[in-house]
């Protein structure tokens, strides 16, 4: 049992070594904010930047890190760069993101622009040559990795007063491509086909925004949905004027919060329940390992007392 426990520990440390190395590659103390919205990474190679670990005059590392490519979204958050359709290292990223990305990857790049703009994507990192409307900004690596910009992206926070319902994810994306769809006032939700509300331009105000928190103020003459350009997870929690409400899936994979007419303050935060559960399971696992180690040592032949027979 001790050999088994040691082997498991060594394997876990080896698997986490890329993450440990990634955190050694720290950006400058004041990293440049290279994007005001979201970034899409679409690369097949795993090439790394050349040169020292930190280059203060180069903002490249906010996009493109020494770590494995699946870790880039996690590391870029220190510079304020948000990722769209990010591939979580443990494979636990949003199923809705996964489904939308799969549908987009089946289309040519020029046909993806509408959906990427709606998701707030302003830049793309790719290892292939992209056509218009993507505009090449610079080459990030000699292996052909390039940074592109995409104009016309929706703001990270918008308010929709006209809600269209579609029965499938494919139908949701199809509604986005219709000529009458306006990102400033419209959102598409899953449900029985139909349309509710009239288009009214409402400008929500972001009071605070972070990796796991949004506080916003909305003043609207009509009820609608506040859409935040973040991947929808069931772990998001929302409050309107301090009252809990359930976030909804908006536009196929984004966070939506239903808001009634009037002036309201909305807060969206990440539930701590998954982290607490993971910590509890880790403690249980460690206690179980200690118990198994004690049982193993107690049954070891070296510790077992020999018995002797006495004749009467």
Protein backbone atom coordinates (compact mmCIF):
# COMPACT_ATOMS: atom_id res chain seq x y z
CA UNK A 1 0.00 0.00 0.00
CA UNK A 2 2.78 2.58 0.75
CA UNK A 3 4.32 1.88 -2.66
CA UNK A 4 0.91 2.36 -4.33
CA UNK A 5 0.33 5.65 -2.52
CA UNK A 6 3.80 6.90 -3.46
CA UNK A 7 3.23 5.94 -7.09
CA UNK A 8 -0.09 7.80 -7.23
CA UNK A 9 1.49 10.89 -5.68
CA UNK A 10 4.37 10.87 -8.20
CA UNK A 11 1.95 10.53 -11.12
CA UNK A 12 -0.20 13.44 -9.86
CA UNK A 13 2.86 15.65 -9.43
CA UNK A 14 4.04 14.80 -12.95
CA UNK A 15 0.62 15.59 -14.42
CA UNK A 16 0.59 18.99 -12.69
CA UNK A 17 4.15 19.89 -13.66
CA UNK A 18 3.04 21.96 -16.74
CA UNK A 19 0.78 24.02 -14.48
CA UNK A 20 3.61 24.63 -12.00
CA UNK A 21 5.93 25.70 -14.83
CA UNK A 22 3.25 27.99 -16.21
CA UNK A 23 3.02 29.94 -12.99
CA UNK A 24 6.78 30.52 -13.11
CA UNK A 25 6.25 32.42 -16.36
CA UNK A 26 4.78 35.53 -14.73
CA UNK A 27 3.93 38.65 -16.71
CA UNK A 28 5.32 42.08 -15.76
CA UNK A 29 3.97 43.74 -12.61
CA UNK A 30 1.71 45.96 -14.72
CA UNK A 31 0.71 43.76 -17.66
CA UNK A 32 -0.78 45.62 -20.61
CA UNK A 33 -4.50 45.20 -21.10
CA UNK A 34 -4.34 43.94 -24.65
CA UNK A 35 -8.05 43.40 -25.20
CA UNK A 36 -11.19 45.00 -23.87
CA UNK A 37 -13.31 41.98 -24.64
CA UNK A 38 -12.75 38.33 -25.56
CA UNK A 39 -10.15 36.31 -27.42
CA UNK A 40 -10.57 33.07 -29.38
CA UNK A 41 -7.66 30.62 -29.58
CA UNK A 42 -7.75 28.18 -32.50
CA UNK A 43 -4.34 26.52 -32.84
CA UNK A 44 -3.21 22.98 -33.54
CA UNK A 45 0.48 23.50 -32.75
CA UNK A 46 1.85 23.91 -29.25
CA UNK A 47 4.70 26.27 -30.01
CA UNK A 48 5.93 28.67 -27.35
CA UNK A 49 7.23 32.25 -27.45
CA UNK A 50 10.96 32.64 -27.86
CA UNK A 51 13.21 34.63 -25.54
CA UNK A 52 13.20 35.30 -21.78
CA UNK A 53 10.35 34.34 -19.51
CA UNK A 54 9.08 37.94 -19.29
CA UNK A 55 9.41 40.68 -21.89
CA UNK A 56 7.88 43.90 -20.48
CA UNK A 57 7.88 45.70 -23.83
CA UNK A 58 6.02 42.86 -25.56
CA UNK A 59 2.29 42.30 -24.86
CA UNK A 60 2.43 38.96 -26.66
CA UNK A 61 2.49 36.90 -23.46
CA UNK A 62 -0.92 38.15 -22.48
CA UNK A 63 -2.16 36.20 -25.51
CA UNK A 64 0.43 33.54 -25.94
CA UNK A 65 2.24 31.85 -23.10
CA UNK A 66 5.06 29.40 -22.48
CA UNK A 67 2.59 26.92 -21.01
CA UNK A 68 0.59 24.38 -23.01
CA UNK A 69 -2.08 25.99 -25.17
CA UNK A 70 -4.99 24.68 -23.09
CA UNK A 71 -3.65 26.69 -20.14
CA UNK A 72 -3.50 30.01 -22.01
CA UNK A 73 -7.04 31.10 -21.02
CA UNK A 74 -6.25 30.63 -17.35
CA UNK A 75 -2.98 32.55 -17.53
CA UNK A 76 -4.29 35.40 -19.67
CA UNK A 77 -6.79 36.45 -17.01
CA UNK A 78 -4.03 38.33 -15.18
CA UNK A 79 -3.91 40.78 -18.11
CA UNK A 80 -7.65 41.17 -18.40
CA UNK A 81 -7.91 39.09 -21.56
CA UNK A 82 -11.03 36.96 -21.52
CA UNK A 83 -11.25 33.85 -23.67
CA UNK A 84 -14.26 32.62 -25.66
CA UNK A 85 -14.88 28.88 -26.03
CA UNK A 86 -11.87 28.24 -23.80
CA UNK A 87 -10.76 24.63 -23.54
CA UNK A 88 -10.53 23.93 -19.83
CA UNK A 89 -7.50 21.73 -19.00
CA UNK A 90 -9.62 19.20 -17.13
CA UNK A 91 -12.26 19.01 -19.86
CA UNK A 92 -14.96 20.45 -17.60
CA UNK A 93 -15.67 23.57 -19.63
CA UNK A 94 -19.22 24.45 -20.60
CA UNK A 95 -21.12 21.83 -22.59
CA UNK A 96 -22.99 24.67 -24.28
CA UNK A 97 -19.69 26.28 -25.32
CA UNK A 98 -18.55 22.91 -26.61
CA UNK A 99 -21.70 22.47 -28.71
CA UNK A 100 -21.57 25.97 -30.21
CA UNK A 101 -17.87 25.68 -30.99
CA UNK A 102 -18.45 22.33 -32.72
CA UNK A 103 -21.11 23.89 -34.95
CA UNK A 104 -18.88 26.85 -35.78
CA UNK A 105 -15.88 24.69 -36.63
CA UNK A 106 -17.96 23.01 -39.33
CA UNK A 107 -18.27 26.36 -41.13
CA UNK A 108 -15.67 28.39 -43.04
CA UNK A 109 -14.06 31.18 -41.07
CA UNK A 110 -15.93 34.00 -42.79
CA UNK A 111 -19.23 32.37 -41.77
CA UNK A 112 -18.20 32.31 -38.09
CA UNK A 113 -17.85 36.07 -37.74
CA UNK A 114 -21.48 36.76 -36.81
CA UNK A 115 -21.47 34.33 -33.88
CA UNK A 116 -18.02 35.41 -32.69
CA UNK A 117 -19.04 39.08 -32.70
CA UNK A 118 -22.16 38.26 -30.69
CA UNK A 119 -19.98 36.45 -28.13
CA UNK A 120 -17.85 39.58 -27.76
CA UNK A 121 -14.78 38.21 -29.58
CA UNK A 122 -12.46 41.01 -30.69
CA UNK A 123 -9.29 38.99 -31.43
CA UNK A 124 -8.39 35.53 -32.72
CA UNK A 125 -5.13 33.59 -32.35
CA UNK A 126 -4.84 31.03 -35.17
CA UNK A 127 -2.18 29.01 -36.94
CA UNK A 128 -3.90 29.31 -40.34
CA UNK A 129 -4.38 32.26 -42.67
CA UNK A 130 -7.80 33.82 -42.00
CA UNK A 131 -9.87 35.63 -44.63
CA UNK A 132 -11.80 38.88 -44.23
CA UNK A 133 -13.41 40.16 -42.05
CA UNK A 134 -10.50 38.99 -39.86
CA UNK A 135 -7.58 41.42 -40.06
CA UNK A 136 -4.03 40.25 -39.34
CA UNK A 137 -2.34 42.26 -36.58
CA UNK A 138 0.99 40.49 -36.20
CA UNK A 139 2.82 37.17 -36.33
CA UNK A 140 3.21 35.68 -32.87
CA UNK A 141 5.51 32.81 -33.76
CA UNK A 142 7.53 31.66 -36.81
CA UNK A 143 5.46 28.45 -36.96
CA UNK A 144 2.63 30.50 -38.44
CA UNK A 145 0.70 31.50 -35.32
CA UNK A 146 -0.92 34.88 -35.99
CA UNK A 147 -3.02 37.39 -34.10
CA UNK A 148 -6.12 38.72 -35.88
CA UNK A 149 -8.62 41.41 -34.94
CA UNK A 150 -12.37 41.28 -35.59
CA UNK A 151 -14.30 44.55 -35.76
CA UNK A 152 -17.90 45.01 -34.73
CA UNK A 153 -17.96 42.81 -31.61
CA UNK A 154 -20.84 43.22 -29.18
CA UNK A 155 -20.03 44.82 -25.82
CA UNK A 156 -19.39 42.46 -22.89
CA UNK A 157 -22.68 43.58 -21.35
CA UNK A 158 -25.91 44.21 -23.26
CA UNK A 159 -29.64 44.22 -22.58
CA UNK A 160 -32.24 42.50 -24.78
CA UNK A 161 -35.90 43.52 -24.65
CA UNK A 162 -36.97 41.48 -27.69
CA UNK A 163 -36.64 37.76 -26.96
CA UNK A 164 -36.90 35.13 -29.66
CA UNK A 165 -37.31 31.46 -28.78
CA UNK A 166 -35.92 28.59 -30.87
CA UNK A 167 -36.30 24.85 -30.23
CA UNK A 168 -32.71 23.73 -30.97
CA UNK A 169 -29.19 25.10 -30.79
CA UNK A 170 -28.93 25.02 -34.59
CA UNK A 171 -32.10 27.12 -34.77
CA UNK A 172 -30.67 29.58 -32.23
CA UNK A 173 -27.60 30.19 -34.40
CA UNK A 174 -29.81 30.46 -37.48
CA UNK A 175 -31.84 33.25 -35.83
CA UNK A 176 -28.62 35.17 -35.24
CA UNK A 177 -27.97 35.22 -38.98
CA UNK A 178 -31.40 36.57 -39.90
CA UNK A 179 -31.49 40.12 -41.24
CA UNK A 180 -33.94 41.33 -38.57
CA UNK A 181 -31.78 40.24 -35.64
CA UNK A 182 -30.22 43.19 -33.76
CA UNK A 183 -27.57 42.31 -31.14
CA UNK A 184 -28.17 45.62 -29.31
CA UNK A 185 -31.79 44.75 -28.50
CA UNK A 186 -32.30 41.02 -29.23
CA UNK A 187 -31.44 37.69 -27.69
CA UNK A 188 -32.38 34.15 -28.65
CA UNK A 189 -33.37 31.62 -25.98
CA UNK A 190 -34.12 27.91 -26.14
CA UNK A 191 -37.84 27.14 -26.07
CA UNK A 192 -41.02 26.90 -28.09
CA UNK A 193 -40.78 29.10 -31.19
CA UNK A 194 -42.05 32.62 -30.77
CA UNK A 195 -41.08 36.23 -30.06
CA UNK A 196 -41.79 38.39 -27.00
CA UNK A 197 -41.30 42.11 -26.45
CA UNK A 198 -40.32 45.03 -28.64
CA UNK A 199 -36.79 46.26 -29.39
CA UNK A 200 -35.78 49.02 -26.96
CA UNK A 201 -32.20 50.23 -26.71
CA UNK A 202 -31.06 50.01 -23.09
CA UNK A 203 -27.47 50.65 -22.04
CA UNK A 204 -26.55 48.68 -18.89
CA UNK A 205 -23.79 50.10 -16.72
CA UNK A 206 -21.07 47.80 -15.42
CA UNK A 207 -20.18 48.81 -11.86
CA UNK A 208 -17.62 46.04 -11.29
CA UNK A 209 -16.46 43.14 -13.43
CA UNK A 210 -13.99 40.39 -12.64
CA UNK A 211 -13.23 36.78 -13.43
CA UNK A 212 -16.01 35.54 -11.14
CA UNK A 213 -18.16 38.60 -10.42
CA UNK A 214 -20.33 41.13 -12.20
CA UNK A 215 -22.19 44.06 -10.68
CA UNK A 216 -24.27 46.13 -13.04
CA UNK A 217 -27.01 48.75 -13.01
CA UNK A 218 -29.92 48.56 -15.46
CA UNK A 219 -32.63 51.15 -16.04
CA UNK A 220 -35.16 49.83 -18.54
CA UNK A 221 -38.75 50.72 -19.49
CA UNK A 222 -39.48 47.10 -20.38
CA UNK A 223 -38.58 43.70 -18.99
CA UNK A 224 -35.78 41.84 -20.70
CA UNK A 225 -32.60 39.82 -20.29
CA UNK A 226 -29.20 41.14 -19.25
CA UNK A 227 -26.66 39.22 -21.38
CA UNK A 228 -23.09 38.89 -20.11
CA UNK A 229 -20.44 37.58 -22.51
CA UNK A 230 -19.32 34.74 -20.26
CA UNK A 231 -19.79 31.01 -20.71
CA UNK A 232 -22.98 29.78 -19.08
CA UNK A 233 -22.53 27.34 -16.19
CA UNK A 234 -25.03 26.17 -13.63
CA UNK A 235 -22.58 27.40 -10.96
CA UNK A 236 -23.37 31.05 -11.75
CA UNK A 237 -25.62 32.73 -9.18
CA UNK A 238 -27.52 35.99 -9.68
CA UNK A 239 -29.28 38.58 -7.52
CA UNK A 240 -31.49 41.50 -8.49
CA UNK A 241 -31.61 44.18 -5.79
CA UNK A 242 -30.41 41.51 -3.37
CA UNK A 243 -33.11 38.98 -4.31
CA UNK A 244 -31.83 35.65 -5.75
CA UNK A 245 -32.86 34.82 -9.32
CA UNK A 246 -31.88 31.95 -11.60
CA UNK A 247 -29.55 32.80 -14.52
CA UNK A 248 -30.60 31.45 -17.91
CA UNK A 249 -28.86 30.30 -21.07
CA UNK A 250 -28.78 33.16 -23.59
CA UNK A 251 -27.83 32.99 -27.28
CA UNK A 252 -26.78 29.37 -27.01
CA UNK A 253 -23.91 29.64 -24.52
CA UNK A 254 -23.85 32.99 -22.70
CA UNK A 255 -25.03 34.07 -19.23
CA UNK A 256 -28.46 35.70 -19.13
CA UNK A 257 -30.32 37.26 -16.20
CA UNK A 258 -34.07 38.05 -16.53
CA UNK A 259 -34.65 41.62 -15.29
CA UNK A 260 -38.06 43.31 -14.79
CA UNK A 261 -38.80 46.85 -15.92
CA UNK A 262 -37.42 49.67 -13.77
CA UNK A 263 -34.09 50.58 -12.21
CA UNK A 264 -32.23 47.63 -10.74
CA UNK A 265 -28.81 46.53 -9.58
CA UNK A 266 -27.79 43.06 -10.77
CA UNK A 267 -25.04 40.90 -9.33
CA UNK A 268 -23.73 37.72 -10.93
CA UNK A 269 -21.20 35.64 -8.99
CA UNK A 270 -19.63 32.23 -9.12
CA UNK A 271 -20.90 29.70 -6.60
CA UNK A 272 -18.28 28.51 -4.11
CA UNK A 273 -20.03 25.14 -3.75
CA UNK A 274 -17.87 23.23 -6.30
CA UNK A 275 -14.65 24.49 -4.67
CA UNK A 276 -15.87 23.64 -1.19
CA UNK A 277 -16.97 20.19 -2.33
CA UNK A 278 -13.61 19.60 -3.99
CA UNK A 279 -11.78 20.67 -0.83
CA UNK A 280 -13.95 18.39 1.29
CA UNK A 281 -13.30 15.43 -1.00
CA UNK A 282 -9.57 16.17 -0.91
CA UNK A 283 -9.59 16.11 2.91
CA UNK A 284 -11.56 12.85 2.89
CA UNK A 285 -9.06 11.37 0.46
CA UNK A 286 -6.10 12.38 2.61
CA UNK A 287 -7.73 10.94 5.75
CA UNK A 288 -8.44 7.72 3.89
CA UNK A 289 -4.81 7.56 2.73
CA UNK A 290 -3.57 8.04 6.32
CA UNK A 291 -5.95 5.35 7.55
CA UNK A 292 -4.80 2.91 4.87
CA UNK A 293 -1.18 3.65 5.71
CA UNK A 294 -1.79 2.88 9.40
CA UNK A 295 -3.64 -0.31 8.57
CA UNK A 296 -0.81 -1.34 6.26
CA UNK A 297 1.83 -0.66 8.89
CA UNK A 298 -0.18 -2.49 11.53
CA UNK A 299 -0.41 -5.62 9.36
CA UNK A 300 3.24 -5.50 8.32
CA UNK A 301 5.20 -8.69 9.23
CA UNK A 302 7.89 -6.54 10.84
CA UNK A 303 5.43 -5.15 13.36
CA UNK A 304 3.52 -8.37 14.01
CA UNK A 305 4.46 -9.90 17.36
CA UNK A 306 5.46 -13.56 17.19
CA UNK A 307 3.40 -15.97 19.23
CA UNK A 308 5.01 -18.72 21.30
CA UNK A 309 3.49 -21.91 22.60
CA UNK A 310 4.11 -22.91 26.23
CA UNK A 311 3.81 -26.43 27.38
CA UNK A 312 2.06 -27.05 30.65
